[in-house]
Amino acid sequence: MSSPVFSRSIQVTQTDASGIWPILVLCAAYSALLVAGAAWAIDLDAKGWHIALDMLALLALVALWLVGLVAVVRAWIWGETHWLAKGRARPFSECTPVDIGEAGFSVQGLGHVDWIDVLALEGIPDSDNYLIVHTRPFRKLMLAAPVDELVPVFNHYLAQAGSAKATRAGTLQSRALVFCWRCFLAWIWAGYALAGAGGIALLLNASNAGFVKTMVGLCVLMPLVAWLVWAVPISRISTFAPSRVRAFELHGTRLRSTDDEWQSDLLQSRISLRRASGIGYEFSFLAIRPLSGKGLDLILEGGAEQEALLDALSDRGLLPALNPQD
């Protein structure tokens, strides 16, 4: 059976998501300001028709919040387009021949990508005609073509590359999601701390609000406060995960990333396989702690490539048994 091939002229656009975090920060600041305004304006001790008035005020604030979020995002996009983007090279955006085959992924006018440097595929919600391909040399490329034609071709060659246990003179290649376990834990505990502080503040300042209102505040507002914080680390390993995938090569006992941002001799490192779980998350990850230099945490999502990496580490005596969460 012949291997699938895609060769056609389609629209290819380099996308830049660097502005997403300023937008999120602005939206969070705006939301916090509006919540503070709501806490000041709404009377927890209201009775009679004043309660209905407060509910109407709350609905108006929610509507204002939604409209304001759209305004904040549009204002940032306008400012980034007209001011901040000046002096930067324009991203690639052309209708150009694209070839996907055994040799790799090529875009005329941009360049060639080996399969190890095709890091992740990302769909666009409610769209069957656009696919985002994350690559090492060209970052995010949005391909305007039917997804049901592109994805099978990409998956075929990515799976083929992953099933080959060793390539290029005994060098094993694998992709994995990079994250920081200590940073992840810090965000989780920050969520607990902020929710706890909010609960204490509510109890101290709303002692006359009554049992029902106090319990509503504790059982509804405090979890929402915690989730506002937890959304940051959880989104980095879920929604925004494709942008954090990196490719690695294992040659002997030396592991290096193909972007040359990290490399280490694993004989001089402490390696552990861990499992983490909590409210809203559960995953396994490989923690590598060199005697000197930057550590590395890789989330293990399964698949032939990662299984081959774990087998290679185990065969070379570098991987101990599974360790509990710490």
Foldseek 3Di string as FASTA:
>chain_A
DDADKDKDFFKKWQDDPPCVVVLLVVLVVLVVVLVVVLVVPQDLQDDDCSVVVNVVVVVVSVVVSVVVSVVSVVVSVVCCVPPVCPPPDHIDIDRFIWIFDLQATATPPPGGAGLLQFFDKDDDPPDQQWIWTAGDPRGTMITGGGNVRPVVNNVVNNQVLLQPLADDPRKAKFKFFWDDPVVLVVLQVVLVVVLVVVLVVCCVPCVPSDDVVNVCCNVPVSVVSSVSSNVVSLCCVPVVRSSRMWMWIQDQQKIATPVRPDIDRLVQWQWAWEWDDDVPDTFIWIWIGGPDDDIIITTDPDGSRVVSVVVVCVVSVRYDDHDYDD
